Amino acid sequence: QGEELGLPEAVNLPDEARQDPTFFRTNGEKYG
């Protein structure tokens, strides 16, 4: 979904908005 619109990755999400467990289990080393 959204690729038909040409959507890029949302790169500049603030850390406080992130929800992927990968971000928290790696202490922010991976954005997820």
PDB file of all heavy atoms in Angstrom:
ATOM      1  N   GLN A   1       0.820  -1.209   0.000  1.00  0.00           N
ATOM      2  CA  GLN A   1       0.000   0.000   0.000  1.00  0.00           C
ATOM      3  C   GLN A   1       0.857   1.264   0.000  1.00  0.00           C
ATOM      4  O   GLN A   1       1.826   1.395   0.737  1.00  0.00           O
ATOM      5  CB  GLN A   1      -0.929   0.005   1.209  1.00  0.00           C
ATOM      6  CG  GLN A   1      -0.228   0.103   2.563  1.00  0.00           C
ATOM      7  CD  GLN A   1      -1.216   0.150   3.717  1.00  0.00           C
ATOM      8  OE1 GLN A   1      -2.233  -0.528   3.728  1.00  0.00           O
ATOM      9  NE2 GLN A   1      -0.920   0.973   4.711  1.00  0.00           N
ATOM     10  N   GLY A   2       0.486   2.191  -0.878  1.00  0.00           N
ATOM     11  CA  GLY A   2       1.186   3.465  -0.979  1.00  0.00           C
ATOM     12  C   GLY A   2       2.283   3.493  -2.017  1.00  0.00           C
ATOM     13  O   GLY A   2       2.699   4.582  -2.435  1.00  0.00           O
ATOM     14  N   GLU A   3       2.774   2.315  -2.439  1.00  0.00           N
ATOM     15  CA  GLU A   3       3.834   2.365  -3.450  1.00  0.00           C
ATOM     16  C   GLU A   3       3.302   2.880  -4.772  1.00  0.00           C
ATOM     17  O   GLU A   3       4.034   3.480  -5.557  1.00  0.00           O
ATOM     18  CB  GLU A   3       4.516   1.010  -3.620  1.00  0.00           C
ATOM     19  CG  GLU A   3       3.719  -0.070  -4.301  1.00  0.00           C
ATOM     20  CD  GLU A   3       4.576  -1.286  -4.653  1.00  0.00           C
ATOM     21  OE1 GLU A   3       4.869  -2.100  -3.763  1.00  0.00           O
ATOM     22  OE2 GLU A   3       4.938  -1.400  -5.837  1.00  0.00           O
ATOM     23  N   GLU A   4       1.978   2.676  -5.023  1.00  0.00           N
ATOM     24  CA  GLU A   4       1.388   3.202  -6.248  1.00  0.00           C
ATOM     25  C   GLU A   4       1.312   4.727  -6.237  1.00  0.00           C
ATOM     26  O   GLU A   4       1.046   5.345  -7.276  1.00  0.00           O
ATOM     27  CB  GLU A   4      -0.008   2.603  -6.469  1.00  0.00           C
ATOM     28  CG  GLU A   4      -1.099   3.158  -5.570  1.00  0.00           C
ATOM     29  CD  GLU A   4      -1.186   2.521  -4.195  1.00  0.00           C
ATOM     30  OE1 GLU A   4      -0.190   1.890  -3.744  1.00  0.00           O
ATOM     31  OE2 GLU A   4      -2.244   2.644  -3.556  1.00  0.00           O
ATOM     32  N   LEU A   5       1.562   5.336  -5.082  1.00  0.00           N
ATOM     33  CA  LEU A   5       1.636   6.790  -4.967  1.00  0.00           C
ATOM     34  C   LEU A   5       3.087   7.292  -5.022  1.00  0.00           C
ATOM     35  O   LEU A   5       3.316   8.499  -5.000  1.00  0.00           O
ATOM     36  CB  LEU A   5       0.987   7.248  -3.656  1.00  0.00           C
ATOM     37  CG  LEU A   5      -0.447   6.762  -3.405  1.00  0.00           C
ATOM     38  CD1 LEU A   5      -0.922   7.210  -2.026  1.00  0.00           C
ATOM     39  CD2 LEU A   5      -1.379   7.260  -4.498  1.00  0.00           C
ATOM     40  N   GLY A   6       4.027   6.356  -5.060  1.00  0.00           N
ATOM     41  CA  GLY A   6       5.441   6.733  -5.034  1.00  0.00           C
ATOM     42  C   GLY A   6       5.934   7.086  -3.643  1.00  0.00           C
ATOM     43  O   GLY A   6       6.961   7.774  -3.508  1.00  0.00           O
ATOM     44  N   LEU A   7       5.246   6.612  -2.591  1.00  0.00           N
ATOM     45  CA  LEU A   7       5.630   7.004  -1.230  1.00  0.00           C
ATOM     46  C   LEU A   7       7.047   6.557  -0.909  1.00  0.00           C
ATOM     47  O   LEU A   7       7.416   5.404  -1.119  1.00  0.00           O
ATOM     48  CB  LEU A   7       4.682   6.392  -0.205  1.00  0.00           C
ATOM     49  CG  LEU A   7       3.256   6.940  -0.124  1.00  0.00           C
ATOM     50  CD1 LEU A   7       2.533   6.298   1.048  1.00  0.00           C
ATOM     51  CD2 LEU A   7       3.249   8.456   0.009  1.00  0.00           C
ATOM     52  N   PRO A   8       7.855   7.460  -0.347  1.00  0.00           N
ATOM     53  CA  PRO A   8       9.176   7.083   0.162  1.00  0.00           C
ATOM     54  C   PRO A   8       9.054   6.618   1.608  1.00  0.00           C
ATOM     55  O   PRO A   8       7.981   6.700   2.231  1.00  0.00           O
ATOM     56  CB  PRO A   8       9.955   8.392   0.077  1.00  0.00           C
ATOM     57  CG  PRO A   8       8.904   9.440   0.370  1.00  0.00           C
ATOM     58  CD  PRO A   8       7.621   8.906  -0.250  1.00  0.00           C
ATOM     59  N   GLU A   9      10.130   6.139   2.158  1.00  0.00           N
ATOM     60  CA  GLU A   9      10.207   5.863   3.588  1.00  0.00           C
ATOM     61  C   GLU A   9      10.077   7.191   4.346  1.00  0.00           C
ATOM     62  O   GLU A   9      10.612   8.229   3.927  1.00  0.00           O
ATOM     63  CB  GLU A   9      11.555   5.224   3.923  1.00  0.00           C
ATOM     64  CG  GLU A   9      11.681   4.675   5.310  1.00  0.00           C
ATOM     65  CD  GLU A   9      11.144   3.264   5.432  1.00  0.00           C
ATOM     66  OE1 GLU A   9      10.503   2.768   4.473  1.00  0.00           O
ATOM     67  OE2 GLU A   9      11.365   2.650   6.484  1.00  0.00           O
ATOM     68  N   ALA A  10       9.345   7.153   5.468  1.00  0.00           N
ATOM     69  CA  ALA A  10       9.281   8.329   6.350  1.00  0.00           C
ATOM     70  C   ALA A  10      10.530   8.302   7.231  1.00  0.00           C
ATOM     71  O   ALA A  10      10.559   7.660   8.289  1.00  0.00           O
ATOM     72  CB  ALA A  10       8.010   8.309   7.179  1.00  0.00           C
ATOM     73  N   VAL A  11      11.567   8.980   6.779  1.00  0.00           N
ATOM     74  CA  VAL A  11      12.882   8.875   7.410  1.00  0.00           C
ATOM     75  C   VAL A  11      12.965   9.669   8.700  1.00  0.00           C
ATOM     76  O   VAL A  11      13.622   9.249   9.662  1.00  0.00           O
ATOM     77  CB  VAL A  11      13.970   9.357   6.414  1.00  0.00           C
ATOM     78  CG1 VAL A  11      15.328   9.463   7.100  1.00  0.00           C
ATOM     79  CG2 VAL A  11      14.053   8.404   5.228  1.00  0.00           C
ATOM     80  N   ASN A  12      12.273  10.801   8.766  1.00  0.00           N
ATOM     81  CA  ASN A  12      12.496  11.737   9.868  1.00  0.00           C
ATOM     82  C   ASN A  12      11.472  11.630  10.987  1.00  0.00           C
ATOM     83  O   ASN A  12      11.117  12.638  11.624  1.00  0.00           O
ATOM     84  CB  ASN A  12      12.531  13.168   9.320  1.00  0.00           C
ATOM     85  CG  ASN A  12      13.740  13.399   8.435  1.00  0.00           C
ATOM     86  OD1 ASN A  12      14.866  13.120   8.844  1.00  0.00           O
ATOM     87  ND2 ASN A  12      13.514  13.877   7.218  1.00  0.00           N
ATOM     88  N   LEU A  13      10.993  10.428  11.272  1.00  0.00           N
ATOM     89  CA  LEU A  13      10.099  10.250  12.416  1.00  0.00           C
ATOM     90  C   LEU A  13      10.862  10.551  13.707  1.00  0.00           C
ATOM     91  O   LEU A  13      11.989  10.087  13.894  1.00  0.00           O
ATOM     92  CB  LEU A  13       9.585   8.812  12.473  1.00  0.00           C
ATOM     93  CG  LEU A  13       8.641   8.351  11.364  1.00  0.00           C
ATOM     94  CD1 LEU A  13       8.333   6.864  11.528  1.00  0.00           C
ATOM     95  CD2 LEU A  13       7.353   9.154  11.389  1.00  0.00           C
ATOM     96  N   PRO A  14      10.263  11.297  14.630  1.00  0.00           N
ATOM     97  CA  PRO A  14      10.947  11.548  15.909  1.00  0.00           C
ATOM     98  C   PRO A  14      11.028  10.265  16.733  1.00  0.00           C
ATOM     99  O   PRO A  14      10.138   9.411  16.672  1.00  0.00           O
ATOM    100  CB  PRO A  14      10.063  12.601  16.584  1.00  0.00           C
ATOM    101  CG  PRO A  14       8.728  12.466  15.941  1.00  0.00           C
ATOM    102  CD  PRO A  14       8.970  12.008  14.531  1.00  0.00           C
ATOM    103  N   ASP A  15      12.071  10.136  17.513  1.00  0.00           N
ATOM    104  CA  ASP A  15      12.253   8.922  18.315  1.00  0.00           C
ATOM    105  C   ASP A  15      11.057   8.661  19.227  1.00  0.00           C
ATOM    106  O   ASP A  15      10.661   7.503  19.426  1.00  0.00           O
ATOM    107  CB  ASP A  15      13.518   9.033  19.161  1.00  0.00           C
ATOM    108  CG  ASP A  15      14.790   8.922  18.322  1.00  0.00           C
ATOM    109  OD1 ASP A  15      14.675   8.647  17.109  1.00  0.00           O
ATOM    110  OD2 ASP A  15      15.877   9.111  18.886  1.00  0.00           O
ATOM    111  N   GLU A  16      10.482   9.717  19.773  1.00  0.00           N
ATOM    112  CA  GLU A  16       9.383   9.532  20.720  1.00  0.00           C
ATOM    113  C   GLU A  16       8.117   9.006  20.056  1.00  0.00           C
ATOM    114  O   GLU A  16       7.193   8.535  20.739  1.00  0.00           O
ATOM    115  CB  GLU A  16       9.076  10.832  21.460  1.00  0.00           C
ATOM    116  CG  GLU A  16       8.677  12.006  20.579  1.00  0.00           C
ATOM    117  CD  GLU A  16       9.861  12.843  20.119  1.00  0.00           C
ATOM    118  OE1 GLU A  16      11.015  12.329  20.169  1.00  0.00           O
ATOM    119  OE2 GLU A  16       9.638  14.000  19.718  1.00  0.00           O
ATOM    120  N   ALA A  17       8.055   9.075  18.730  1.00  0.00           N
ATOM    121  CA  ALA A  17       6.877   8.569  18.023  1.00  0.00           C
ATOM    122  C   ALA A  17       7.025   7.115  17.604  1.00  0.00           C
ATOM    123  O   ALA A  17       6.046   6.474  17.223  1.00  0.00           O
ATOM    124  CB  ALA A  17       6.603   9.425  16.790  1.00  0.00           C
ATOM    125  N   ARG A  18       8.228   6.584  17.655  1.00  0.00           N
ATOM    126  CA  ARG A  18       8.465   5.242  17.137  1.00  0.00           C
ATOM    127  C   ARG A  18       7.803   4.174  18.003  1.00  0.00           C
ATOM    128  O   ARG A  18       7.725   4.323  19.223  1.00  0.00           O
ATOM    129  CB  ARG A  18       9.967   4.983  16.995  1.00  0.00           C
ATOM    130  CG  ARG A  18      10.595   5.890  15.942  1.00  0.00           C
ATOM    131  CD  ARG A  18      12.046   5.557  15.651  1.00  0.00           C
ATOM    132  NE  ARG A  18      12.554   6.459  14.623  1.00  0.00           N
ATOM    133  CZ  ARG A  18      12.412   6.275  13.325  1.00  0.00           C
ATOM    134  NH1 ARG A  18      11.804   5.194  12.882  1.00  0.00           N
ATOM    135  NH2 ARG A  18      12.888   7.163  12.464  1.00  0.00           N
ATOM    136  N   GLN A  19       7.367   3.083  17.350  1.00  0.00           N
ATOM    137  CA  GLN A  19       6.660   2.025  18.059  1.00  0.00           C
ATOM    138  C   GLN A  19       7.193   0.627  17.770  1.00  0.00           C
ATOM    139  O   GLN A  19       6.813  -0.324  18.436  1.00  0.00           O
ATOM    140  CB  GLN A  19       5.165   2.083  17.711  1.00  0.00           C
ATOM    141  CG  GLN A  19       4.521   3.409  18.095  1.00  0.00           C
ATOM    142  CD  GLN A  19       3.011   3.345  18.108  1.00  0.00           C
ATOM    143  OE1 GLN A  19       2.413   2.301  18.319  1.00  0.00           O
ATOM    144  NE2 GLN A  19       2.377   4.486  17.884  1.00  0.00           N
ATOM    145  N   ASP A  20       8.058   0.475  16.789  1.00  0.00           N
ATOM    146  CA  ASP A  20       8.580  -0.847  16.451  1.00  0.00           C
ATOM    147  C   ASP A  20       9.416  -1.382  17.616  1.00  0.00           C
ATOM    148  O   ASP A  20      10.332  -0.711  18.092  1.00  0.00           O
ATOM    149  CB  ASP A  20       9.438  -0.750  15.189  1.00  0.00           C
ATOM    150  CG  ASP A  20       9.847  -2.111  14.631  1.00  0.00           C
ATOM    151  OD1 ASP A  20       9.775  -3.116  15.363  1.00  0.00           O
ATOM    152  OD2 ASP A  20      10.227  -2.167  13.443  1.00  0.00           O
ATOM    153  N   PRO A  21       9.134  -2.623  18.090  1.00  0.00           N
ATOM    154  CA  PRO A  21       9.950  -3.177  19.173  1.00  0.00           C
ATOM    155  C   PRO A  21      11.437  -3.251  18.850  1.00  0.00           C
ATOM    156  O   PRO A  21      12.271  -3.224  19.764  1.00  0.00           O
ATOM    157  CB  PRO A  21       9.367  -4.577  19.396  1.00  0.00           C
ATOM    158  CG  PRO A  21       8.263  -4.768  18.449  1.00  0.00           C
ATOM    159  CD  PRO A  21       8.020  -3.503  17.713  1.00  0.00           C
ATOM    160  N   THR A  22      11.780  -3.331  17.567  1.00  0.00           N
ATOM    161  CA  THR A  22      13.194  -3.370  17.184  1.00  0.00           C
ATOM    162  C   THR A  22      13.927  -2.137  17.703  1.00  0.00           C
ATOM    163  O   THR A  22      15.068  -2.227  18.185  1.00  0.00           O
ATOM    164  CB  THR A  22      13.332  -3.445  15.652  1.00  0.00           C
ATOM    165  OG1 THR A  22      12.684  -4.613  15.174  1.00  0.00           O
ATOM    166  CG2 THR A  22      14.786  -3.458  15.228  1.00  0.00           C
ATOM    167  N   PHE A  23      13.290  -0.970  17.619  1.00  0.00           N
ATOM    168  CA  PHE A  23      13.923   0.276  18.047  1.00  0.00           C
ATOM    169  C   PHE A  23      14.252   0.229  19.537  1.00  0.00           C
ATOM    170  O   PHE A  23      15.333   0.648  19.962  1.00  0.00           O
ATOM    171  CB  PHE A  23      12.996   1.451  17.742  1.00  0.00           C
ATOM    172  CG  PHE A  23      13.543   2.798  18.130  1.00  0.00           C
ATOM    173  CD1 PHE A  23      14.536   3.401  17.374  1.00  0.00           C
ATOM    174  CD2 PHE A  23      13.069   3.460  19.251  1.00  0.00           C
ATOM    175  CE1 PHE A  23      15.047   4.646  17.733  1.00  0.00           C
ATOM    176  CE2 PHE A  23      13.568   4.697  19.618  1.00  0.00           C
ATOM    177  CZ  PHE A  23      14.568   5.297  18.859  1.00  0.00           C
ATOM    178  N   PHE A  24      13.342  -0.315  20.323  1.00  0.00           N
ATOM    179  CA  PHE A  24      13.527  -0.320  21.774  1.00  0.00           C
ATOM    180  C   PHE A  24      14.442  -1.454  22.225  1.00  0.00           C
ATOM    181  O   PHE A  24      15.262  -1.270  23.129  1.00  0.00           O
ATOM    182  CB  PHE A  24      12.164  -0.416  22.453  1.00  0.00           C
ATOM    183  CG  PHE A  24      11.251   0.720  22.081  1.00  0.00           C
ATOM    184  CD1 PHE A  24      10.229   0.524  21.167  1.00  0.00           C
ATOM    185  CD2 PHE A  24      11.442   1.990  22.608  1.00  0.00           C
ATOM    186  CE1 PHE A  24       9.400   1.576  20.799  1.00  0.00           C
ATOM    187  CE2 PHE A  24      10.623   3.042  22.241  1.00  0.00           C
ATOM    188  CZ  PHE A  24       9.606   2.837  21.336  1.00  0.00           C
ATOM    189  N   ARG A  25      14.354  -2.628  21.589  1.00  0.00           N
ATOM    190  CA  ARG A  25      15.182  -3.757  22.009  1.00  0.00           C
ATOM    191  C   ARG A  25      16.638  -3.581  21.602  1.00  0.00           C
ATOM    192  O   ARG A  25      17.520  -4.262  22.127  1.00  0.00           O
ATOM    193  CB  ARG A  25      14.620  -5.067  21.461  1.00  0.00           C
ATOM    194  CG  ARG A  25      13.316  -5.494  22.132  1.00  0.00           C
ATOM    195  CD  ARG A  25      12.821  -6.830  21.585  1.00  0.00           C
ATOM    196  NE  ARG A  25      13.745  -7.918  21.865  1.00  0.00           N
ATOM    197  CZ  ARG A  25      13.727  -8.667  22.958  1.00  0.00           C
ATOM    198  NH1 ARG A  25      12.817  -8.435  23.904  1.00  0.00           N
ATOM    199  NH2 ARG A  25      14.587  -9.649  23.121  1.00  0.00           N
ATOM    200  N   THR A  26      16.903  -2.679  20.642  1.00  0.00           N
ATOM    201  CA  THR A  26      18.291  -2.382  20.256  1.00  0.00           C
ATOM    202  C   THR A  26      18.753  -1.032  20.802  1.00  0.00           C
ATOM    203  O   THR A  26      19.787  -0.519  20.380  1.00  0.00           O
ATOM    204  CB  THR A  26      18.453  -2.387  18.724  1.00  0.00           C
ATOM    205  OG1 THR A  26      17.640  -1.351  18.158  1.00  0.00           O
ATOM    206  CG2 THR A  26      18.056  -3.736  18.137  1.00  0.00           C
ATOM    207  N   ASN A  27      17.970  -0.455  21.714  1.00  0.00           N
ATOM    208  CA  ASN A  27      18.305   0.845  22.298  1.00  0.00           C
ATOM    209  C   ASN A  27      18.545   1.911  21.233  1.00  0.00           C
ATOM    210  O   ASN A  27      19.437   2.757  21.351  1.00  0.00           O
ATOM    211  CB  ASN A  27      19.546   0.726  23.201  1.00  0.00           C
ATOM    212  CG  ASN A  27      19.302  -0.157  24.403  1.00  0.00           C
ATOM    213  OD1 ASN A  27      18.273  -0.045  25.067  1.00  0.00           O
ATOM    214  ND2 ASN A  27      20.228  -1.058  24.670  1.00  0.00           N
ATOM    215  N   GLY A  28      17.734   1.841  20.181  1.00  0.00           N
ATOM    216  CA  GLY A  28      17.793   2.843  19.141  1.00  0.00           C
ATOM    217  C   GLY A  28      18.879   2.632  18.107  1.00  0.00           C
ATOM    218  O   GLY A  28      19.014   3.452  17.178  1.00  0.00           O
ATOM    219  N   GLU A  29      19.649   1.549  18.209  1.00  0.00           N
ATOM    220  CA  GLU A  29      20.686   1.289  17.209  1.00  0.00           C
ATOM    221  C   GLU A  29      20.068   0.969  15.852  1.00  0.00           C
ATOM    222  O   GLU A  29      20.658   1.257  14.804  1.00  0.00           O
ATOM    223  CB  GLU A  29      21.582   0.141  17.660  1.00  0.00           C
ATOM    224  CG  GLU A  29      22.474   0.493  18.847  1.00  0.00           C
ATOM    225  CD  GLU A  29      23.375  -0.659  19.236  1.00  0.00           C
ATOM    226  OE1 GLU A  29      23.460  -1.636  18.447  1.00  0.00           O
ATOM    227  OE2 GLU A  29      23.994  -0.595  20.308  1.00  0.00           O
ATOM    228  N   LYS A  30      18.884   0.350  15.859  1.00  0.00           N
ATOM    229  CA  LYS A  30      18.139   0.096  14.626  1.00  0.00           C
ATOM    230  C   LYS A  30      16.844   0.897  14.693  1.00  0.00           C
ATOM    231  O   LYS A  30      16.134   0.856  15.702  1.00  0.00           O
ATOM    232  CB  LYS A  30      17.833  -1.394  14.455  1.00  0.00           C
ATOM    233  CG  LYS A  30      19.050  -2.271  14.268  1.00  0.00           C
ATOM    234  CD  LYS A  30      18.641  -3.727  14.068  1.00  0.00           C
ATOM    235  CE  LYS A  30      19.844  -4.620  13.827  1.00  0.00           C
ATOM    236  NZ  LYS A  30      19.445  -6.048  13.622  1.00  0.00           N
ATOM    237  N   TYR A  31      16.519   1.591  13.608  1.00  0.00           N
ATOM    238  CA  TYR A  31      15.281   2.358  13.576  1.00  0.00           C
ATOM    239  C   TYR A  31      14.063   1.460  13.393  1.00  0.00           C
ATOM    240  O   TYR A  31      12.950   1.808  13.797  1.00  0.00           O
ATOM    241  CB  TYR A  31      15.331   3.397  12.450  1.00  0.00           C
ATOM    242  CG  TYR A  31      16.191   4.594  12.793  1.00  0.00           C
ATOM    243  CD1 TYR A  31      17.472   4.725  12.270  1.00  0.00           C
ATOM    244  CD2 TYR A  31      15.722   5.586  13.645  1.00  0.00           C
ATOM    245  CE1 TYR A  31      18.269   5.818  12.575  1.00  0.00           C
ATOM    246  CE2 TYR A  31      16.509   6.692  13.964  1.00  0.00           C
ATOM    247  CZ  TYR A  31      17.777   6.798  13.422  1.00  0.00           C
ATOM    248  OH  TYR A  31      18.554   7.886  13.740  1.00  0.00           O
ATOM    249  N   GLY A  32      14.255   0.294  12.774  1.00  0.00           N
ATOM    250  CA  GLY A  32      13.135  -0.613  12.595  1.00  0.00           C
ATOM    251  C   GLY A  32      12.244  -0.229  11.424  1.00  0.00           C
ATOM    252  O   GLY A  32      12.662   0.439  10.480  1.00  0.00           O
TER     253      GLY A  32
END
